[in-house]
């Protein structure tokens, strides 16, 4: 039982120290152009594709329910 408490305590300390010291966001890129375009990464393409697929299925289900 004591070993489990020590293990949990060590994990909590690592978590809290890591959450305060690690920085997930990159620094300011120092762009001079305020209207610079932001590139669309893979995550945005996945979100857009999911929205299109959801809209297609939603409209398809509405068509099926109106035929019946």
PDB file of N, CA and C in Angstrom:
ATOM      1  N   UNK A   1       0.833  -1.198   0.000  1.00  0.00           N
ATOM      2  CA  UNK A   1       0.000   0.000   0.000  1.00  0.00           C
ATOM      3  C   UNK A   1       0.874   1.258   0.000  1.00  0.00           C
ATOM      4  N   UNK A   2       1.929   1.235   0.786  1.00  0.00           N
ATOM      5  CA  UNK A   2       2.817   2.391   0.860  1.00  0.00           C
ATOM      6  C   UNK A   2       3.520   2.627  -0.477  1.00  0.00           C
ATOM      7  N   UNK A   3       3.832   1.538  -1.174  1.00  0.00           N
ATOM      8  CA  UNK A   3       4.502   1.661  -2.466  1.00  0.00           C
ATOM      9  C   UNK A   3       3.589   2.349  -3.487  1.00  0.00           C
ATOM     10  N   UNK A   4       2.315   2.028  -3.429  1.00  0.00           N
ATOM     11  CA  UNK A   4       1.360   2.642  -4.338  1.00  0.00           C
ATOM     12  C   UNK A   4       1.201   4.132  -4.051  1.00  0.00           C
ATOM     13  N   UNK A   5       1.191   4.518  -2.800  1.00  0.00           N
ATOM     14  CA  UNK A   5       1.085   5.924  -2.422  1.00  0.00           C
ATOM     15  C   UNK A   5       2.322   6.694  -2.901  1.00  0.00           C
ATOM     16  N   UNK A   6       3.502   6.099  -2.734  1.00  0.00           N
ATOM     17  CA  UNK A   6       4.729   6.753  -3.199  1.00  0.00           C
ATOM     18  C   UNK A   6       4.712   6.915  -4.713  1.00  0.00           C
ATOM     19  N   UNK A   7       4.276   5.884  -5.414  1.00  0.00           N
ATOM     20  CA  UNK A   7       4.208   5.938  -6.873  1.00  0.00           C
ATOM     21  C   UNK A   7       3.247   7.034  -7.327  1.00  0.00           C
ATOM     22  N   UNK A   8       2.093   7.130  -6.698  1.00  0.00           N
ATOM     23  CA  UNK A   8       1.105   8.154  -7.032  1.00  0.00           C
ATOM     24  C   UNK A   8       1.652   9.547  -6.734  1.00  0.00           C
ATOM     25  N   UNK A   9       2.330   9.689  -5.621  1.00  0.00           N
ATOM     26  CA  UNK A   9       2.910  10.971  -5.248  1.00  0.00           C
ATOM     27  C   UNK A   9       3.982  11.399  -6.246  1.00  0.00           C
ATOM     28  N   UNK A  10       4.818  10.465  -6.674  1.00  0.00           N
ATOM     29  CA  UNK A  10       5.852  10.779  -7.662  1.00  0.00           C
ATOM     30  C   UNK A  10       5.213  11.202  -8.981  1.00  0.00           C
ATOM     31  N   UNK A  11       4.190  10.501  -9.409  1.00  0.00           N
ATOM     32  CA  UNK A  11       3.501  10.875 -10.641  1.00  0.00           C
ATOM     33  C   UNK A  11       2.868  12.263 -10.544  1.00  0.00           C
ATOM     34  N   UNK A  12       2.267  12.578  -9.422  1.00  0.00           N
ATOM     35  CA  UNK A  12       1.668  13.893  -9.240  1.00  0.00           C
ATOM     36  C   UNK A  12       2.721  14.997  -9.271  1.00  0.00           C
ATOM     37  N   UNK A  13       3.852  14.756  -8.620  1.00  0.00           N
ATOM     38  CA  UNK A  13       4.928  15.754  -8.622  1.00  0.00           C
ATOM     39  C   UNK A  13       5.450  15.958 -10.036  1.00  0.00           C
ATOM     40  N   UNK A  14       5.663  14.878 -10.771  1.00  0.00           N
ATOM     41  CA  UNK A  14       6.131  14.998 -12.154  1.00  0.00           C
ATOM     42  C   UNK A  14       5.109  15.744 -12.996  1.00  0.00           C
ATOM     43  N   UNK A  15       3.840  15.453 -12.808  1.00  0.00           N
ATOM     44  CA  UNK A  15       2.789  16.125 -13.566  1.00  0.00           C
ATOM     45  C   UNK A  15       2.763  17.623 -13.285  1.00  0.00           C
ATOM     46  N   UNK A  16       2.783  17.995 -12.003  1.00  0.00           N
ATOM     47  CA  UNK A  16       2.700  19.410 -11.659  1.00  0.00           C
ATOM     48  C   UNK A  16       3.957  20.171 -12.069  1.00  0.00           C
ATOM     49  N   UNK A  17       5.116  19.597 -11.866  1.00  0.00           N
ATOM     50  CA  UNK A  17       6.355  20.264 -12.269  1.00  0.00           C
ATOM     51  C   UNK A  17       6.398  20.387 -13.790  1.00  0.00           C
ATOM     52  N   UNK A  18       6.002  19.335 -14.488  1.00  0.00           N
ATOM     53  CA  UNK A  18       5.994  19.374 -15.944  1.00  0.00           C
ATOM     54  C   UNK A  18       4.992  20.362 -16.487  1.00  0.00           C
ATOM     55  N   UNK A  19       3.842  20.477 -15.860  1.00  0.00           N
ATOM     56  CA  UNK A  19       2.824  21.391 -16.375  1.00  0.00           C
ATOM     57  C   UNK A  19       3.223  22.850 -16.178  1.00  0.00           C
ATOM     58  N   UNK A  20       4.052  23.137 -15.191  1.00  0.00           N
ATOM     59  CA  UNK A  20       4.493  24.511 -14.994  1.00  0.00           C
ATOM     60  C   UNK A  20       5.730  24.861 -15.811  1.00  0.00           C
ATOM     61  N   UNK A  21       6.544  23.874 -16.126  1.00  0.00           N
ATOM     62  CA  UNK A  21       7.794  24.177 -16.814  1.00  0.00           C
ATOM     63  C   UNK A  21       7.728  23.965 -18.317  1.00  0.00           C
ATOM     64  N   UNK A  22       6.869  23.102 -18.793  1.00  0.00           N
ATOM     65  CA  UNK A  22       6.781  22.841 -20.220  1.00  0.00           C
ATOM     66  C   UNK A  22       5.888  23.878 -20.886  1.00  0.00           C
ATOM     67  N   UNK A  23       6.292  24.319 -22.043  1.00  0.00           N
ATOM     68  CA  UNK A  23       5.520  25.298 -22.796  1.00  0.00           C
ATOM     69  C   UNK A  23       5.108  24.641 -24.108  1.00  0.00           C
ATOM     70  N   UNK A  24       3.829  24.557 -24.358  1.00  0.00           N
ATOM     71  CA  UNK A  24       3.344  23.872 -25.542  1.00  0.00           C
ATOM     72  C   UNK A  24       3.232  24.797 -26.744  1.00  0.00           C
ATOM     73  N   UNK A  25       3.118  26.081 -26.516  1.00  0.00           N
ATOM     74  CA  UNK A  25       2.930  27.012 -27.616  1.00  0.00           C
ATOM     75  C   UNK A  25       4.270  27.569 -28.078  1.00  0.00           C
ATOM     76  N   UNK A  26       4.449  27.698 -29.389  1.00  0.00           N
ATOM     77  CA  UNK A  26       5.685  28.300 -29.878  1.00  0.00           C
ATOM     78  C   UNK A  26       5.695  29.799 -29.607  1.00  0.00           C
ATOM     79  N   UNK A  27       6.854  30.386 -29.685  1.00  0.00           N
ATOM     80  CA  UNK A  27       6.980  31.819 -29.458  1.00  0.00           C
ATOM     81  C   UNK A  27       6.438  32.631 -30.614  1.00  0.00           C
ATOM     82  N   UNK A  28       6.483  33.928 -30.480  1.00  0.00           N
ATOM     83  CA  UNK A  28       6.013  34.834 -31.513  1.00  0.00           C
ATOM     84  C   UNK A  28       6.939  34.737 -32.718  1.00  0.00           C
ATOM     85  N   UNK A  29       6.409  34.503 -33.927  1.00  0.00           N
ATOM     86  CA  UNK A  29       7.268  34.350 -35.094  1.00  0.00           C
ATOM     87  C   UNK A  29       7.846  35.669 -35.604  1.00  0.00           C
ATOM     88  N   UNK A  30       7.472  36.793 -35.020  1.00  0.00           N
ATOM     89  CA  UNK A  30       7.984  38.110 -35.392  1.00  0.00           C
ATOM     90  C   UNK A  30       7.708  38.437 -36.856  1.00  0.00           C
ATOM     91  N   UNK A  31       6.484  38.238 -37.283  1.00  0.00           N
ATOM     92  CA  UNK A  31       6.126  38.589 -38.663  1.00  0.00           C
ATOM     93  C   UNK A  31       5.903  40.092 -38.741  1.00  0.00           C
ATOM     94  N   UNK A  32       6.348  40.674 -39.826  1.00  0.00           N
ATOM     95  CA  UNK A  32       6.143  42.102 -40.013  1.00  0.00           C
ATOM     96  C   UNK A  32       4.824  42.387 -40.712  1.00  0.00           C
ATOM     97  N   UNK A  33       4.282  41.411 -41.420  1.00  0.00           N
ATOM     98  CA  UNK A  33       3.026  41.577 -42.134  1.00  0.00           C
ATOM     99  C   UNK A  33       1.866  41.105 -41.256  1.00  0.00           C
ATOM    100  N   UNK A  34       0.997  42.013 -40.798  1.00  0.00           N
ATOM    101  CA  UNK A  34      -0.115  41.584 -39.935  1.00  0.00           C
ATOM    102  C   UNK A  34      -1.182  40.797 -40.689  1.00  0.00           C
ATOM    103  N   UNK A  35      -1.202  40.888 -42.019  1.00  0.00           N
ATOM    104  CA  UNK A  35      -2.195  40.173 -42.813  1.00  0.00           C
ATOM    105  C   UNK A  35      -1.632  38.898 -43.421  1.00  0.00           C
ATOM    106  N   UNK A  36      -0.592  38.358 -42.815  1.00  0.00           N
ATOM    107  CA  UNK A  36       0.032  37.140 -43.346  1.00  0.00           C
ATOM    108  C   UNK A  36      -0.950  35.979 -43.242  1.00  0.00           C
ATOM    109  N   UNK A  37      -0.989  35.155 -44.273  1.00  0.00           N
ATOM    110  CA  UNK A  37      -1.910  34.024 -44.307  1.00  0.00           C
ATOM    111  C   UNK A  37      -1.446  32.924 -43.362  1.00  0.00           C
ATOM    112  N   UNK A  38      -2.400  32.265 -42.754  1.00  0.00           N
ATOM    113  CA  UNK A  38      -2.105  31.146 -41.868  1.00  0.00           C
ATOM    114  C   UNK A  38      -2.322  29.867 -42.666  1.00  0.00           C
ATOM    115  N   UNK A  39      -1.338  28.976 -42.697  1.00  0.00           N
ATOM    116  CA  UNK A  39      -1.505  27.752 -43.484  1.00  0.00           C
ATOM    117  C   UNK A  39      -2.545  26.823 -42.864  1.00  0.00           C
ATOM    118  N   UNK A  40      -3.240  26.105 -43.721  1.00  0.00           N
ATOM    119  CA  UNK A  40      -4.220  25.121 -43.263  1.00  0.00           C
ATOM    120  C   UNK A  40      -3.487  23.804 -43.097  1.00  0.00           C
ATOM    121  N   UNK A  41      -3.474  23.295 -41.881  1.00  0.00           N
ATOM    122  CA  UNK A  41      -2.771  22.051 -41.596  1.00  0.00           C
ATOM    123  C   UNK A  41      -3.718  20.864 -41.717  1.00  0.00           C
ATOM    124  N   UNK A  42      -3.217  19.691 -41.435  1.00  0.00           N
ATOM    125  CA  UNK A  42      -4.003  18.473 -41.577  1.00  0.00           C
ATOM    126  C   UNK A  42      -5.221  18.417 -40.676  1.00  0.00           C
ATOM    127  N   UNK A  43      -5.110  18.985 -39.478  1.00  0.00           N
ATOM    128  CA  UNK A  43      -6.235  18.946 -38.546  1.00  0.00           C
ATOM    129  C   UNK A  43      -7.423  19.738 -39.086  1.00  0.00           C
ATOM    130  N   UNK A  44      -7.147  20.872 -39.686  1.00  0.00           N
ATOM    131  CA  UNK A  44      -8.236  21.661 -40.250  1.00  0.00           C
ATOM    132  C   UNK A  44      -8.901  20.944 -41.417  1.00  0.00           C
ATOM    133  N   UNK A  45      -8.110  20.236 -42.224  1.00  0.00           N
ATOM    134  CA  UNK A  45      -8.681  19.460 -43.330  1.00  0.00           C
ATOM    135  C   UNK A  45      -9.570  18.339 -42.788  1.00  0.00           C
ATOM    136  N   UNK A  46      -9.166  17.702 -41.692  1.00  0.00           N
ATOM    137  CA  UNK A  46      -9.992  16.649 -41.096  1.00  0.00           C
ATOM    138  C   UNK A  46     -11.305  17.207 -40.556  1.00  0.00           C
ATOM    139  N   UNK A  47     -11.240  18.365 -39.937  1.00  0.00           N
ATOM    140  CA  UNK A  47     -12.458  18.991 -39.413  1.00  0.00           C
ATOM    141  C   UNK A  47     -13.398  19.372 -40.557  1.00  0.00           C
ATOM    142  N   UNK A  48     -12.833  19.959 -41.612  1.00  0.00           N
ATOM    143  CA  UNK A  48     -13.658  20.349 -42.763  1.00  0.00           C
ATOM    144  C   UNK A  48     -14.280  19.123 -43.423  1.00  0.00           C
ATOM    145  N   UNK A  49     -13.506  18.066 -43.573  1.00  0.00           N
ATOM    146  CA  UNK A  49     -14.043  16.836 -44.162  1.00  0.00           C
ATOM    147  C   UNK A  49     -15.140  16.229 -43.311  1.00  0.00           C
ATOM    148  N   UNK A  50     -14.968  16.260 -42.000  1.00  0.00           N
ATOM    149  CA  UNK A  50     -16.005  15.757 -41.106  1.00  0.00           C
ATOM    150  C   UNK A  50     -17.286  16.566 -41.192  1.00  0.00           C
ATOM    151  N   UNK A  51     -17.144  17.885 -41.335  1.00  0.00           N
ATOM    152  CA  UNK A  51     -18.330  18.734 -41.486  1.00  0.00           C
ATOM    153  C   UNK A  51     -19.057  18.431 -42.783  1.00  0.00           C
ATOM    154  N   UNK A  52     -18.304  18.261 -43.865  1.00  0.00           N
ATOM    155  CA  UNK A  52     -18.922  17.950 -45.159  1.00  0.00           C
ATOM    156  C   UNK A  52     -19.620  16.599 -45.100  1.00  0.00           C
ATOM    157  N   UNK A  53     -18.976  15.599 -44.522  1.00  0.00           N
ATOM    158  CA  UNK A  53     -19.574  14.274 -44.414  1.00  0.00           C
ATOM    159  C   UNK A  53     -20.820  14.302 -43.534  1.00  0.00           C
ATOM    160  N   UNK A  54     -20.751  15.030 -42.424  1.00  0.00           N
ATOM    161  CA  UNK A  54     -21.909  15.144 -41.546  1.00  0.00           C
ATOM    162  C   UNK A  54     -23.075  15.837 -42.222  1.00  0.00           C
ATOM    163  N   UNK A  55     -22.777  16.902 -42.978  1.00  0.00           N
ATOM    164  CA  UNK A  55     -23.827  17.607 -43.699  1.00  0.00           C
ATOM    165  C   UNK A  55     -24.452  16.721 -44.766  1.00  0.00           C
ATOM    166  N   UNK A  56     -23.623  15.953 -45.463  1.00  0.00           N
ATOM    167  CA  UNK A  56     -24.126  15.042 -46.502  1.00  0.00           C
ATOM    168  C   UNK A  56     -25.049  13.991 -45.886  1.00  0.00           C
ATOM    169  N   UNK A  57     -24.623  13.410 -44.775  1.00  0.00           N
ATOM    170  CA  UNK A  57     -25.463  12.393 -44.123  1.00  0.00           C
ATOM    171  C   UNK A  57     -26.743  13.001 -43.559  1.00  0.00           C
ATOM    172  N   UNK A  58     -26.637  14.216 -43.021  1.00  0.00           N
ATOM    173  CA  UNK A  58     -27.824  14.877 -42.478  1.00  0.00           C
ATOM    174  C   UNK A  58     -28.840  15.151 -43.572  1.00  0.00           C
ATOM    175  N   UNK A  59     -28.375  15.696 -44.694  1.00  0.00           N
ATOM    176  CA  UNK A  59     -29.294  15.975 -45.796  1.00  0.00           C
ATOM    177  C   UNK A  59     -29.837  14.688 -46.401  1.00  0.00           C
ATOM    178  N   UNK A  60     -29.022  13.639 -46.454  1.00  0.00           N
ATOM    179  CA  UNK A  60     -29.493  12.340 -46.967  1.00  0.00           C
ATOM    180  C   UNK A  60     -30.554  11.736 -46.075  1.00  0.00           C
ATOM    181  N   UNK A  61     -30.414  11.878 -44.760  1.00  0.00           N
ATOM    182  CA  UNK A  61     -31.426  11.324 -43.863  1.00  0.00           C
ATOM    183  C   UNK A  61     -32.727  12.119 -43.939  1.00  0.00           C
ATOM    184  N   UNK A  62     -32.630  13.417 -44.209  1.00  0.00           N
ATOM    185  CA  UNK A  62     -33.840  14.231 -44.355  1.00  0.00           C
ATOM    186  C   UNK A  62     -34.583  13.827 -45.632  1.00  0.00           C
ATOM    187  N   UNK A  63     -33.846  13.513 -46.698  1.00  0.00           N
ATOM    188  CA  UNK A  63     -34.487  13.097 -47.943  1.00  0.00           C
ATOM    189  C   UNK A  63     -35.185  11.755 -47.773  1.00  0.00           C
ATOM    190  N   UNK A  64     -34.542  10.825 -47.031  1.00  0.00           N
ATOM    191  CA  UNK A  64     -35.152   9.512 -46.803  1.00  0.00           C
ATOM    192  C   UNK A  64     -36.411   9.632 -45.961  1.00  0.00           C
ATOM    193  N   UNK A  65     -36.384  10.484 -44.944  1.00  0.00           N
ATOM    194  CA  UNK A  65     -37.562  10.610 -44.085  1.00  0.00           C
ATOM    195  C   UNK A  65     -38.698  11.333 -44.799  1.00  0.00           C
ATOM    196  N   UNK A  66     -38.405  12.195 -45.765  1.00  0.00           N
ATOM    197  CA  UNK A  66     -39.487  12.887 -46.483  1.00  0.00           C
ATOM    198  C   UNK A  66     -40.122  11.990 -47.534  1.00  0.00           C
ATOM    199  N   UNK A  67     -39.394  10.969 -48.019  1.00  0.00           N
ATOM    200  CA  UNK A  67     -39.959  10.031 -49.002  1.00  0.00           C
ATOM    201  C   UNK A  67     -40.943   9.075 -48.380  1.00  0.00           C
ATOM    202  N   UNK A  68     -40.776   8.783 -47.104  1.00  0.00           N
ATOM    203  CA  UNK A  68     -41.639   7.794 -46.444  1.00  0.00           C
ATOM    204  C   UNK A  68     -42.940   8.350 -46.028  1.00  0.00           C
TER     205      UNK A  68
END
